[in-house]
């Protein structure tokens, strides 16, 4: 069964604040320092957007010395003004223990504040905390509630999350058809994890309305092309096997195992495919 992964650091944290692209000359460097000086002045005067950008600047070390504690300082100032983006970033700092001691409960507190303002990524992340029981008691009903809110806003990660919940029957009735519906929404956004999850479901489901090994091969191939992840290669092998292409399943599983030699699940799958092929 596919499980929700542990909450990940939001990709937005890796983005450079607007107007602070990497300098290529002394003139650009001077211009950047002027932008940073202006940003500090506006942030100190209480401008919330400037506080968020300054926090991200210290987080990425773009034009300043990288300083997680200073990043937290400015993100907190913006979060204290009820800015949902700052609240989400601050939650992530607590979750990762960057600039502050790691504290899942504090992370959950800030995520909830952002989620209650409709921040889709925070809704998703809060759902994952409820799914995992991190910083909050495990509560699948709350997980479904917040995951659904994020999915309804079009967040691909939320749509994948809803697919997983329906596939596993976690907080909702187990329903592979409903899982397929949500996965497809994320696939339409070219989400590689959605392609992988949907491919595996189409390859392995016992539900005749869902099972489609040929489509599974196409989706898994696209997922592998998008992200050379051994789990995605493993899914492609499963799709080949479901379609009766045992030789390709063996060859593909061997590739997955070469990428992650210690994975017992891959080894078991390879033995299964070899056994079906007469051990050749």
Protein backbone atom coordinates (compact mmCIF):
# COMPACT_ATOMS: atom_id res chain seq x y z
CA UNK A 1 0.00 0.00 0.00
CA UNK A 2 1.25 3.49 -0.81
CA UNK A 3 1.69 5.61 2.29
CA UNK A 4 1.88 9.34 2.79
CA UNK A 5 5.46 10.40 3.24
CA UNK A 6 6.79 12.45 6.09
CA UNK A 7 6.22 16.17 5.61
CA UNK A 8 8.85 17.73 3.38
CA UNK A 9 10.40 21.18 3.41
CA UNK A 10 8.31 23.26 1.03
CA UNK A 11 10.09 23.98 -2.24
CA UNK A 12 9.21 27.66 -1.86
CA UNK A 13 11.88 27.97 0.79
CA UNK A 14 14.47 27.39 -1.89
CA UNK A 15 13.26 30.24 -4.07
CA UNK A 16 15.23 33.44 -4.22
CA UNK A 17 13.31 36.51 -3.00
CA UNK A 18 12.20 38.67 -5.91
CA UNK A 19 14.81 41.08 -7.17
CA UNK A 20 17.74 39.29 -5.55
CA UNK A 21 19.03 37.13 -8.40
CA UNK A 22 22.67 36.03 -8.18
CA UNK A 23 25.05 38.86 -9.12
CA UNK A 24 27.45 38.40 -12.02
CA UNK A 25 29.44 41.67 -11.75
CA UNK A 26 30.53 44.29 -9.24
CA UNK A 27 27.81 46.61 -10.55
CA UNK A 28 25.17 43.95 -10.00
CA UNK A 29 26.62 43.19 -6.57
CA UNK A 30 26.32 46.84 -5.59
CA UNK A 31 22.76 46.94 -6.87
CA UNK A 32 21.95 43.83 -4.87
CA UNK A 33 23.35 45.34 -1.68
CA UNK A 34 21.19 48.42 -2.27
CA UNK A 35 18.13 46.19 -2.64
CA UNK A 36 19.00 44.38 0.58
CA UNK A 37 19.57 47.66 2.44
CA UNK A 38 16.17 48.91 1.28
CA UNK A 39 14.60 45.60 2.23
CA UNK A 40 16.04 45.81 5.74
CA UNK A 41 14.78 49.37 6.12
CA UNK A 42 11.24 48.46 5.03
CA UNK A 43 11.24 45.32 7.17
CA UNK A 44 12.38 47.26 10.22
CA UNK A 45 9.55 49.72 9.58
CA UNK A 46 7.08 46.84 9.82
CA UNK A 47 6.35 46.07 6.16
CA UNK A 48 5.23 42.45 6.30
CA UNK A 49 6.19 41.48 2.73
CA UNK A 50 9.67 42.89 3.26
CA UNK A 51 9.98 40.92 6.49
CA UNK A 52 9.12 37.68 4.68
CA UNK A 53 11.57 38.46 1.87
CA UNK A 54 14.30 39.41 4.32
CA UNK A 55 13.73 36.17 6.21
CA UNK A 56 14.09 34.23 2.96
CA UNK A 57 17.21 36.20 2.09
CA UNK A 58 18.90 35.10 5.32
CA UNK A 59 17.62 31.58 4.79
CA UNK A 60 19.13 31.28 1.31
CA UNK A 61 22.21 33.40 1.96
CA UNK A 62 21.62 35.41 -1.21
CA UNK A 63 23.60 38.61 -0.78
CA UNK A 64 23.96 38.16 2.98
CA UNK A 65 25.60 35.67 5.29
CA UNK A 66 23.29 32.67 5.59
CA UNK A 67 21.75 32.84 9.06
CA UNK A 68 18.81 30.64 10.05
CA UNK A 69 18.32 32.41 13.37
CA UNK A 70 18.08 35.77 11.63
CA UNK A 71 15.69 34.22 9.11
CA UNK A 72 13.47 33.03 11.95
CA UNK A 73 13.57 36.48 13.54
CA UNK A 74 12.13 38.19 10.46
CA UNK A 75 9.71 35.41 9.59
CA UNK A 76 8.35 35.57 13.13
CA UNK A 77 7.80 39.32 12.84
CA UNK A 78 5.73 38.75 9.72
CA UNK A 79 3.96 35.74 11.24
CA UNK A 80 3.05 37.85 14.26
CA UNK A 81 1.23 40.10 11.78
CA UNK A 82 -0.85 37.07 10.68
CA UNK A 83 0.91 36.65 7.34
CA UNK A 84 0.11 33.05 6.27
CA UNK A 85 3.23 32.64 4.13
CA UNK A 86 5.47 33.64 7.03
CA UNK A 87 3.51 31.33 9.35
CA UNK A 88 4.08 28.42 6.97
CA UNK A 89 7.79 29.12 6.64
CA UNK A 90 8.13 29.51 10.40
CA UNK A 91 6.37 26.19 10.89
CA UNK A 92 8.88 24.56 8.56
CA UNK A 93 11.78 26.06 10.50
CA UNK A 94 10.40 24.49 13.68
CA UNK A 95 9.79 21.20 11.93
CA UNK A 96 13.35 21.08 10.58
CA UNK A 97 14.99 22.64 13.65
CA UNK A 98 16.53 25.45 11.61
CA UNK A 99 17.27 28.57 13.65
CA UNK A 100 15.12 27.19 16.48
CA UNK A 101 14.99 23.90 18.37
CA UNK A 102 12.98 21.30 16.44
CA UNK A 103 9.44 21.31 17.81
CA UNK A 104 6.65 19.51 15.96
CA UNK A 105 3.95 20.94 18.23
CA UNK A 106 5.12 24.49 17.53
CA UNK A 107 5.27 23.68 13.81
CA UNK A 108 1.70 22.42 13.93
CA UNK A 109 0.58 25.58 15.74
CA UNK A 110 1.94 27.87 13.05
CA UNK A 111 0.71 25.63 10.24
CA UNK A 112 -2.80 25.73 11.63
CA UNK A 113 -2.73 29.54 11.73
CA UNK A 114 -1.72 29.62 8.07
CA UNK A 115 -4.14 26.85 7.09
CA UNK A 116 -7.04 28.67 8.73
CA UNK A 117 -6.29 31.57 6.39
CA UNK A 118 -6.63 29.27 3.38
CA UNK A 119 -2.96 28.71 2.54
CA UNK A 120 -3.17 25.51 0.47
CA UNK A 121 0.36 24.24 1.19
CA UNK A 122 -0.22 24.73 4.92
CA UNK A 123 -3.51 22.85 4.69
CA UNK A 124 -1.65 19.97 3.05
CA UNK A 125 1.22 20.00 5.52
CA UNK A 126 -1.15 20.14 8.49
CA UNK A 127 -3.00 17.15 7.04
CA UNK A 128 0.25 15.21 6.86
CA UNK A 129 1.02 16.05 10.49
CA UNK A 130 -2.39 14.66 11.47
CA UNK A 131 -1.78 11.58 9.33
CA UNK A 132 1.59 10.93 10.94
CA UNK A 133 0.69 12.10 14.45
CA UNK A 134 3.54 14.64 14.42
CA UNK A 135 3.05 17.57 16.78
CA UNK A 136 -0.63 16.69 17.05
CA UNK A 137 -2.48 13.49 17.99
CA UNK A 138 -3.02 11.28 14.94
CA UNK A 139 -6.49 12.13 13.66
CA UNK A 140 -7.47 10.82 10.25
CA UNK A 141 -10.70 12.82 10.14
CA UNK A 142 -8.74 16.05 10.59
CA UNK A 143 -6.21 14.81 8.04
CA UNK A 144 -8.95 14.25 5.47
CA UNK A 145 -10.52 17.62 6.25
CA UNK A 146 -7.34 19.61 5.65
CA UNK A 147 -6.11 17.46 2.76
CA UNK A 148 -9.43 17.92 0.99
CA UNK A 149 -9.25 21.70 1.44
CA UNK A 150 -5.81 21.81 -0.17
CA UNK A 151 -6.86 19.49 -2.99
CA UNK A 152 -9.94 21.56 -3.72
CA UNK A 153 -7.66 24.57 -4.15
CA UNK A 154 -5.86 22.68 -6.90
CA UNK A 155 -2.68 21.82 -4.98
CA UNK A 156 -1.23 18.73 -6.67
CA UNK A 157 0.25 17.44 -3.42
CA UNK A 158 -3.20 17.67 -1.82
CA UNK A 159 -4.76 15.78 -4.72
CA UNK A 160 -2.12 13.07 -4.40
CA UNK A 161 -2.80 12.98 -0.66
CA UNK A 162 -6.52 12.46 -1.25
CA UNK A 163 -5.69 9.67 -3.67
CA UNK A 164 -3.55 7.96 -1.06
CA UNK A 165 -6.21 8.32 1.63
CA UNK A 166 -8.87 6.77 -0.60
CA UNK A 167 -6.53 4.05 -1.83
CA UNK A 168 -5.66 3.04 1.73
CA UNK A 169 -9.09 3.68 3.25
CA UNK A 170 -7.48 6.00 5.78
CA UNK A 171 -10.16 8.28 7.24
CA UNK A 172 -12.42 7.61 4.26
CA UNK A 173 -13.95 4.41 2.82
CA UNK A 174 -11.42 2.51 0.72
CA UNK A 175 -12.31 3.40 -2.86
CA UNK A 176 -9.82 2.82 -5.70
CA UNK A 177 -12.10 4.54 -8.21
CA UNK A 178 -12.12 7.71 -6.09
CA UNK A 179 -8.36 7.38 -5.62
CA UNK A 180 -7.91 7.28 -9.39
CA UNK A 181 -10.00 10.45 -9.74
CA UNK A 182 -7.76 12.43 -7.39
CA UNK A 183 -4.53 11.02 -8.80
CA UNK A 184 -5.61 12.00 -12.31
CA UNK A 185 -6.15 15.59 -11.20
CA UNK A 186 -2.54 15.76 -10.05
CA UNK A 187 -1.29 13.92 -13.14
CA UNK A 188 -2.88 16.69 -15.21
CA UNK A 189 -0.49 19.03 -13.39
CA UNK A 190 2.44 16.77 -14.40
CA UNK A 191 3.05 15.68 -10.83
CA UNK A 192 5.51 12.76 -10.99
CA UNK A 193 4.42 11.23 -7.68
CA UNK A 194 0.83 11.18 -8.93
CA UNK A 195 1.91 9.44 -12.13
CA UNK A 196 3.77 6.84 -10.08
CA UNK A 197 0.94 6.25 -7.60
CA UNK A 198 -1.68 6.02 -10.33
CA UNK A 199 0.50 3.69 -12.40
CA UNK A 200 0.98 1.33 -9.47
CA UNK A 201 -2.73 1.34 -8.68
CA UNK A 202 -3.68 0.66 -12.33
CA UNK A 203 -1.13 -2.15 -12.46
CA UNK A 204 -2.03 -3.91 -9.22
CA UNK A 205 -5.70 -3.20 -8.51
CA UNK A 206 -8.09 -6.15 -8.50
CA UNK A 207 -10.93 -3.78 -9.39
CA UNK A 208 -11.85 -4.29 -13.05
CA UNK A 209 -12.91 -0.64 -13.35
CA UNK A 210 -9.43 0.44 -12.32
CA UNK A 211 -6.94 -2.13 -13.56
CA UNK A 212 -5.21 -1.03 -16.76
CA UNK A 213 -1.64 -2.34 -17.14
CA UNK A 214 -1.03 -0.66 -20.50
CA UNK A 215 -1.90 2.78 -19.17
CA UNK A 216 0.17 1.94 -16.10
CA UNK A 217 3.22 1.39 -18.32
CA UNK A 218 2.70 4.73 -20.05
CA UNK A 219 2.29 6.61 -16.77
CA UNK A 220 5.21 4.90 -15.04
CA UNK A 221 7.45 5.58 -18.04
CA UNK A 222 6.52 9.26 -17.86
CA UNK A 223 7.18 9.33 -14.10
CA UNK A 224 10.64 7.79 -14.55
CA UNK A 225 11.44 10.34 -17.26
CA UNK A 226 10.35 13.16 -14.94
CA UNK A 227 12.30 11.94 -11.91
CA UNK A 228 14.83 9.12 -12.00
CA UNK A 229 13.54 7.69 -8.72
CA UNK A 230 14.16 3.97 -8.04
CA UNK A 231 10.64 3.63 -6.64
CA UNK A 232 9.28 4.87 -9.95
CA UNK A 233 11.46 2.36 -11.81
CA UNK A 234 10.12 -0.35 -9.48
CA UNK A 235 6.57 0.72 -10.39
CA UNK A 236 7.40 0.51 -14.09
CA UNK A 237 8.61 -3.05 -13.54
CA UNK A 238 5.33 -3.89 -11.79
CA UNK A 239 3.42 -2.41 -14.72
CA UNK A 240 5.36 -4.48 -17.22
CA UNK A 241 4.72 -7.61 -15.15
CA UNK A 242 0.99 -6.84 -14.92
CA UNK A 243 0.93 -6.49 -18.71
CA UNK A 244 2.56 -9.90 -19.14
CA UNK A 245 5.90 -8.47 -20.26
CA UNK A 246 7.96 -10.47 -17.81
CA UNK A 247 11.33 -10.01 -19.50
CA UNK A 248 10.94 -6.23 -19.39
CA UNK A 249 9.77 -6.46 -15.79
CA UNK A 250 12.94 -8.35 -14.85
CA UNK A 251 15.20 -5.94 -16.74
CA UNK A 252 13.50 -2.92 -15.19
CA UNK A 253 13.50 -4.31 -11.65
CA UNK A 254 17.22 -4.98 -12.00
CA UNK A 255 17.66 -1.28 -12.83
CA UNK A 256 15.74 -0.30 -9.71
CA UNK A 257 17.86 -2.64 -7.63
CA UNK A 258 21.06 -1.24 -9.14
CA UNK A 259 19.93 2.20 -7.99
CA UNK A 260 19.11 0.96 -4.49
CA UNK A 261 20.89 -2.37 -3.89
CA UNK A 262 19.72 -2.74 -0.29
CA UNK A 263 15.99 -2.54 -0.98
CA UNK A 264 14.42 -5.83 0.11
CA UNK A 265 11.12 -5.04 -1.61
CA UNK A 266 12.89 -4.71 -4.96
CA UNK A 267 14.69 -8.02 -4.34
CA UNK A 268 11.40 -9.77 -3.58
CA UNK A 269 9.81 -8.37 -6.72
CA UNK A 270 12.76 -9.46 -8.84
CA UNK A 271 12.54 -13.00 -7.46
CA UNK A 272 8.81 -13.01 -8.19
CA UNK A 273 9.39 -11.99 -11.82
CA UNK A 274 12.24 -14.44 -12.25
CA UNK A 275 10.10 -17.22 -10.82
CA UNK A 276 7.31 -16.40 -13.25
CA UNK A 277 9.84 -16.57 -16.06
CA UNK A 278 11.09 -20.00 -15.08
CA UNK A 279 14.05 -18.60 -13.14
CA UNK A 280 15.78 -17.36 -16.30
